[in-house]
């Protein structure tokens, strides 16, 4: 009896050790299976997207690139590249990552690419490339207004142009603060035109225009142009050109007339002057000879 009890005492520790080993093996296999399943699920990691508020920038502008991954439950490492050069690294759990940059030189335009990597797993995804473009802002546009009166109606011709700024430029015309035209796009450096016909109200009217390109925060407005009811017109953009053209035509007509009218008289006057000079020389010569003769006789 005592012997059997002793045997039981000897066997029990071995069973405990085996049970512990079996339990540890079970936990290890479970963790391995879970890790394999987790990595397998992580292989379904979606490619990130890389965007900015705008791709049109000015030189020296500060910009933000946003790298987004639609995997909110994963611990992700975000890496930003320009060409093949690594710029920044940030970590987060699925939330968008913001990378702040300054674009000053041509090589700062890109292309940029965002890389996401799941922590403790060899799953890597890349975004599409993103590029910036340098754009020159528009300057204050010039508005010209021409009014043509026909009985009780007035035909108002509006011309607007910005002399600097990257194309295309969109122009919008306003009466006071109300837009009276759609956006008119110009892909060459020429004025945008808008015409309207109105009844003569007798009141003072105010017009202006807006110019903007791909830089929406750099839109510029022209100085207002007023149309007074007494004069019936504001500014005439082509009046000066027409006046100069008319003066040029008048000069082109007058100059030949003066040339053909004055030149003959000048030539005739020159002929008579030469003739007078010849006769005066001969008279002086003869007078001198007579004086010499009288002197010899005396």
Protein backbone atom coordinates (compact mmCIF):
# COMPACT_ATOMS: atom_id res chain seq x y z
CA UNK A 1 0.00 0.00 0.00
CA UNK A 2 2.78 2.30 0.93
CA UNK A 3 4.64 1.29 -2.22
CA UNK A 4 1.76 2.10 -4.47
CA UNK A 5 1.32 5.44 -2.81
CA UNK A 6 4.97 6.17 -3.39
CA UNK A 7 4.62 5.34 -7.03
CA UNK A 8 1.69 7.74 -7.35
CA UNK A 9 3.73 10.47 -5.75
CA UNK A 10 6.48 9.90 -8.30
CA UNK A 11 4.18 9.90 -11.32
CA UNK A 12 2.15 13.02 -10.49
CA UNK A 13 4.97 15.55 -11.14
CA UNK A 14 5.58 14.06 -14.58
CA UNK A 15 1.93 14.44 -15.45
CA UNK A 16 2.00 18.08 -14.36
CA UNK A 17 5.04 18.74 -16.50
CA UNK A 18 3.45 17.08 -19.51
CA UNK A 19 0.26 19.01 -19.00
CA UNK A 20 2.14 22.29 -18.83
CA UNK A 21 4.10 21.44 -21.96
CA UNK A 22 0.95 20.49 -23.79
CA UNK A 23 -0.75 23.73 -22.73
CA UNK A 24 2.23 25.80 -23.81
CA UNK A 25 2.35 24.02 -27.17
CA UNK A 26 -1.36 24.68 -27.59
CA UNK A 27 -0.90 28.40 -26.87
CA UNK A 28 2.06 28.61 -29.21
CA UNK A 29 0.22 26.88 -32.05
CA UNK A 30 -2.79 29.09 -31.44
CA UNK A 31 -0.68 32.24 -31.58
CA UNK A 32 1.05 31.00 -34.73
CA UNK A 33 -2.28 30.23 -36.37
CA UNK A 34 -3.68 33.57 -35.25
CA UNK A 35 -0.59 35.38 -36.52
CA UNK A 36 -0.79 33.56 -39.83
CA UNK A 37 -4.47 34.38 -40.17
CA UNK A 38 -3.79 37.97 -39.12
CA UNK A 39 -1.03 38.37 -41.70
CA UNK A 40 -3.23 36.67 -44.27
CA UNK A 41 -5.96 39.19 -43.48
CA UNK A 42 -3.41 41.96 -43.60
CA UNK A 43 -2.51 40.90 -47.11
CA UNK A 44 -5.84 42.44 -48.02
CA UNK A 45 -4.44 45.85 -47.06
CA UNK A 46 -5.72 48.46 -49.52
CA UNK A 47 -3.39 50.80 -51.39
CA UNK A 48 -3.26 54.27 -49.85
CA UNK A 49 -4.30 57.49 -51.57
CA UNK A 50 -2.08 60.57 -51.71
CA UNK A 51 -3.74 63.96 -52.24
CA UNK A 52 -3.44 67.66 -51.54
CA UNK A 53 -5.87 70.55 -51.41
CA UNK A 54 -4.62 71.67 -54.83
CA UNK A 55 -1.88 70.67 -57.24
CA UNK A 56 -1.38 74.27 -58.45
CA UNK A 57 1.13 76.18 -56.32
CA UNK A 58 3.31 79.28 -56.40
CA UNK A 59 7.04 79.25 -55.74
CA UNK A 60 7.84 79.05 -52.04
CA UNK A 61 4.31 77.97 -51.08
CA UNK A 62 3.78 75.68 -48.08
CA UNK A 63 1.63 72.66 -48.93
CA UNK A 64 0.25 69.59 -47.18
CA UNK A 65 0.17 66.09 -48.61
CA UNK A 66 -2.40 63.71 -47.07
CA UNK A 67 -1.78 59.96 -47.15
CA UNK A 68 -4.94 57.98 -46.35
CA UNK A 69 -5.39 54.25 -45.76
CA UNK A 70 -8.84 52.69 -45.33
CA UNK A 71 -7.71 50.25 -42.65
CA UNK A 72 -8.68 51.79 -39.29
CA UNK A 73 -7.90 48.70 -37.15
CA UNK A 74 -4.27 48.24 -38.20
CA UNK A 75 -1.12 49.82 -36.85
CA UNK A 76 0.42 51.27 -40.01
CA UNK A 77 3.74 52.94 -40.81
CA UNK A 78 3.49 55.72 -43.43
CA UNK A 79 6.53 56.70 -45.51
CA UNK A 80 6.66 59.61 -47.96
CA UNK A 81 8.97 59.58 -50.99
CA UNK A 82 9.89 62.13 -53.65
CA UNK A 83 11.28 60.32 -56.65
CA UNK A 84 13.22 57.58 -54.87
CA UNK A 85 14.25 59.72 -51.91
CA UNK A 86 12.68 59.00 -48.52
CA UNK A 87 11.44 62.21 -46.87
CA UNK A 88 9.33 61.47 -43.78
CA UNK A 89 8.00 58.59 -41.67
CA UNK A 90 4.91 58.61 -39.42
CA UNK A 91 2.93 55.93 -37.64
CA UNK A 92 -0.75 55.68 -36.92
CA UNK A 93 -3.71 53.35 -36.64
CA UNK A 94 -5.46 53.86 -39.94
CA UNK A 95 -6.00 57.62 -39.61
CA UNK A 96 -4.82 59.90 -42.48
CA UNK A 97 -1.30 61.21 -42.12
CA UNK A 98 -0.39 64.80 -43.05
CA UNK A 99 3.04 65.67 -44.41
CA UNK A 100 3.86 69.41 -44.54
CA UNK A 101 6.27 70.58 -47.25
CA UNK A 102 7.53 73.69 -49.00
CA UNK A 103 7.62 73.85 -52.81
CA UNK A 104 10.33 76.25 -53.99
CA UNK A 105 12.26 74.63 -56.83
CA UNK A 106 11.38 72.52 -59.84
CA UNK A 107 12.51 69.30 -58.18
CA UNK A 108 10.03 69.99 -55.33
CA UNK A 109 7.13 69.48 -57.74
CA UNK A 110 7.38 65.69 -57.50
CA UNK A 111 6.46 63.03 -58.21
CA UNK A 112 5.53 62.08 -54.63
CA UNK A 113 4.52 58.62 -53.47
CA UNK A 114 3.19 57.28 -50.17
CA UNK A 115 4.14 53.84 -48.83
CA UNK A 116 2.19 52.04 -46.07
CA UNK A 117 3.47 49.06 -44.15
CA UNK A 118 1.72 46.96 -41.50
CA UNK A 119 3.70 46.71 -38.28
CA UNK A 120 5.32 43.29 -37.63
CA UNK A 121 4.27 42.06 -41.05
CA UNK A 122 5.85 42.26 -44.48
CA UNK A 123 2.78 43.77 -46.15
CA UNK A 124 3.62 46.91 -48.22
CA UNK A 125 1.40 49.03 -50.45
CA UNK A 126 2.16 52.15 -52.51
CA UNK A 127 -0.05 55.04 -53.56
CA UNK A 128 -0.24 56.54 -57.02
CA UNK A 129 2.17 59.34 -57.84
CA UNK A 130 1.22 62.94 -57.12
CA UNK A 131 2.72 66.03 -58.78
CA UNK A 132 2.48 69.77 -58.19
CA UNK A 133 2.51 72.43 -60.90
CA UNK A 134 3.90 75.96 -60.69
CA UNK A 135 1.28 78.59 -61.56
CA UNK A 136 1.80 82.38 -61.76
CA UNK A 137 -1.01 84.31 -60.05
CA UNK A 138 -3.10 86.76 -62.04
CA UNK A 139 -2.69 90.50 -61.56
CA UNK A 140 -5.50 93.03 -61.22
CA UNK A 141 -7.49 92.93 -64.48
CA UNK A 142 -8.41 95.99 -66.54
CA UNK A 143 -12.07 96.57 -67.38
CA UNK A 144 -13.20 98.67 -70.33
CA UNK A 145 -16.84 99.59 -70.95
CA UNK A 146 -18.37 100.94 -74.14
CA UNK A 147 -22.00 102.04 -74.34
CA UNK A 148 -24.01 102.41 -77.55
CA UNK A 149 -27.37 104.18 -77.28
CA UNK A 150 -30.19 103.12 -79.56
CA UNK A 151 -33.41 105.00 -78.74
CA UNK A 152 -34.35 103.92 -75.21
CA UNK A 153 -32.03 100.90 -75.11
CA UNK A 154 -28.35 100.78 -74.26
CA UNK A 155 -25.96 98.16 -75.58
CA UNK A 156 -23.16 97.73 -73.05
CA UNK A 157 -19.92 96.12 -74.24
CA UNK A 158 -17.59 94.86 -71.49
CA UNK A 159 -13.95 93.87 -72.04
CA UNK A 160 -11.73 92.45 -69.29
CA UNK A 161 -8.09 91.26 -69.38
CA UNK A 162 -5.34 90.39 -66.90
CA UNK A 163 -1.92 91.07 -68.40
CA UNK A 164 -0.10 88.49 -66.28
CA UNK A 165 -0.84 85.07 -64.83
CA UNK A 166 -0.71 81.49 -66.04
CA UNK A 167 -3.34 80.46 -68.57
CA UNK A 168 -6.15 79.55 -68.74
CA UNK A 169 -7.78 82.48 -66.96
CA UNK A 170 -11.48 82.59 -66.07
CA UNK A 171 -13.24 85.96 -66.22
CA UNK A 172 -16.55 86.85 -64.57
CA UNK A 173 -18.39 90.17 -65.00
CA UNK A 174 -20.33 91.87 -62.20
CA UNK A 175 -22.85 94.65 -61.87
CA UNK A 176 -22.08 95.93 -58.39
CA UNK A 177 -21.82 92.68 -56.40
CA UNK A 178 -24.03 90.53 -58.65
CA UNK A 179 -22.52 88.27 -61.29
CA UNK A 180 -24.07 88.96 -64.69
CA UNK A 181 -22.07 86.45 -66.74
CA UNK A 182 -20.86 82.87 -66.46
CA UNK A 183 -17.14 82.22 -66.12
CA UNK A 184 -15.50 82.90 -69.49
CA UNK A 185 -12.29 80.90 -69.99
CA UNK A 186 -9.44 82.29 -72.07
CA UNK A 187 -6.58 80.04 -73.15
CA UNK A 188 -4.71 82.87 -74.90
CA UNK A 189 -3.84 86.37 -73.70
CA UNK A 190 -6.84 88.26 -75.03
CA UNK A 191 -9.76 90.18 -73.46
CA UNK A 192 -12.88 88.37 -72.38
CA UNK A 193 -16.00 90.00 -73.81
CA UNK A 194 -19.55 90.19 -72.54
CA UNK A 195 -22.41 92.17 -74.07
CA UNK A 196 -25.79 93.06 -72.62
CA UNK A 197 -28.71 95.28 -73.55
CA UNK A 198 -30.56 97.31 -70.95
CA UNK A 199 -33.27 99.91 -70.76
CA UNK A 200 -32.10 103.35 -69.76
CA UNK A 201 -33.03 103.64 -66.09
CA UNK A 202 -31.48 107.03 -65.45
CA UNK A 203 -29.45 105.72 -62.53
CA UNK A 204 -25.71 105.37 -62.11
CA UNK A 205 -24.40 101.89 -62.95
CA UNK A 206 -21.29 100.16 -61.63
CA UNK A 207 -19.43 97.33 -63.37
CA UNK A 208 -16.31 95.32 -62.56
CA UNK A 209 -14.75 91.97 -63.47
CA UNK A 210 -12.89 89.15 -61.72
CA UNK A 211 -9.93 87.16 -63.05
CA UNK A 212 -8.72 83.85 -61.62
CA UNK A 213 -6.76 80.82 -62.80
CA UNK A 214 -5.89 77.53 -61.08
CA UNK A 215 -5.00 79.45 -57.91
CA UNK A 216 -8.47 80.10 -56.45
CA UNK A 217 -7.06 81.97 -53.45
CA UNK A 218 -5.42 84.54 -55.73
CA UNK A 219 -8.47 85.88 -57.60
CA UNK A 220 -8.27 89.59 -58.50
CA UNK A 221 -11.01 92.17 -59.14
CA UNK A 222 -10.77 95.15 -61.46
CA UNK A 223 -11.39 98.73 -60.44
CA UNK A 224 -15.10 99.60 -60.79
CA UNK A 225 -16.22 101.46 -63.89
CA UNK A 226 -19.24 103.77 -63.55
CA UNK A 227 -21.77 104.70 -66.24
CA UNK A 228 -23.39 108.05 -65.59
CA UNK A 229 -26.90 108.66 -66.95
CA UNK A 230 -25.99 112.18 -68.09
CA UNK A 231 -23.19 111.04 -70.33
CA UNK A 232 -24.67 107.67 -71.12
CA UNK A 233 -21.29 106.00 -71.17
CA UNK A 234 -18.34 105.00 -69.14
CA UNK A 235 -15.06 104.40 -70.92
CA UNK A 236 -14.54 103.72 -74.58
CA UNK A 237 -11.70 101.24 -75.05
CA UNK A 238 -11.29 101.82 -78.79
CA UNK A 239 -11.99 105.57 -79.06
CA UNK A 240 -8.35 106.54 -78.62
CA UNK A 241 -7.23 103.96 -81.15
CA UNK A 242 -9.81 105.19 -83.67
CA UNK A 243 -8.79 108.80 -83.07
CA UNK A 244 -5.14 108.01 -83.64
CA UNK A 245 -6.00 106.03 -86.76
CA UNK A 246 -8.01 108.96 -88.09
CA UNK A 247 -5.17 111.40 -87.44
CA UNK A 248 -2.77 109.07 -89.21
CA UNK A 249 -5.02 108.90 -92.26
CA UNK A 250 -5.33 112.69 -92.32
CA UNK A 251 -1.57 113.07 -92.16
CA UNK A 252 -1.15 110.51 -94.94
CA UNK A 253 -3.39 112.66 -97.13
CA UNK A 254 -2.06 116.09 -96.14
CA UNK A 255 1.66 115.30 -96.39
CA UNK A 256 1.59 114.38 -100.14
CA UNK A 257 -0.54 117.46 -100.89
CA UNK A 258 1.86 119.75 -99.07
CA UNK A 259 4.80 118.07 -100.74
CA UNK A 260 3.48 118.53 -104.27
CA UNK A 261 2.28 122.07 -103.52
CA UNK A 262 5.31 123.43 -101.69
CA UNK A 263 8.09 121.66 -103.60
CA UNK A 264 7.41 123.36 -106.97
CA UNK A 265 7.25 126.72 -105.26
CA UNK A 266 10.48 125.98 -103.45
CA UNK A 267 12.14 125.00 -106.69
CA UNK A 268 10.81 128.10 -108.45
CA UNK A 269 11.96 130.34 -105.63
CA UNK A 270 15.36 128.74 -105.71
CA UNK A 271 15.58 129.36 -109.48
CA UNK A 272 14.65 133.05 -109.15
CA UNK A 273 17.13 133.50 -106.32
CA UNK A 274 19.91 132.02 -108.43
CA UNK A 275 18.90 134.26 -111.34
CA UNK A 276 18.89 137.29 -109.04
CA UNK A 277 22.33 136.39 -107.75
CA UNK A 278 23.73 136.13 -111.29
CA UNK A 279 22.31 139.52 -112.35
CA UNK A 280 23.53 141.14 -109.15
CA UNK A 281 27.03 139.78 -109.73
CA UNK A 282 27.12 141.04 -113.28
CA UNK A 283 25.87 144.48 -112.21
CA UNK A 284 28.54 144.71 -109.54
CA UNK A 285 31.17 143.62 -112.03
CA UNK A 286 30.12 146.24 -114.58
CA UNK A 287 29.97 148.98 -111.98
CA UNK A 288 33.45 148.09 -110.84
CA UNK A 289 34.79 148.26 -114.41
CA UNK A 290 33.24 151.71 -114.91
CA UNK A 291 34.83 153.00 -111.72
CA UNK A 292 38.23 151.73 -112.84
CA UNK A 293 37.91 153.42 -116.25
CA UNK A 294 37.01 156.78 -114.71
CA UNK A 295 39.99 156.48 -112.43
CA UNK A 296 42.35 155.88 -115.33
CA UNK A 297 40.94 158.84 -117.32
CA UNK A 298 41.45 161.16 -114.40
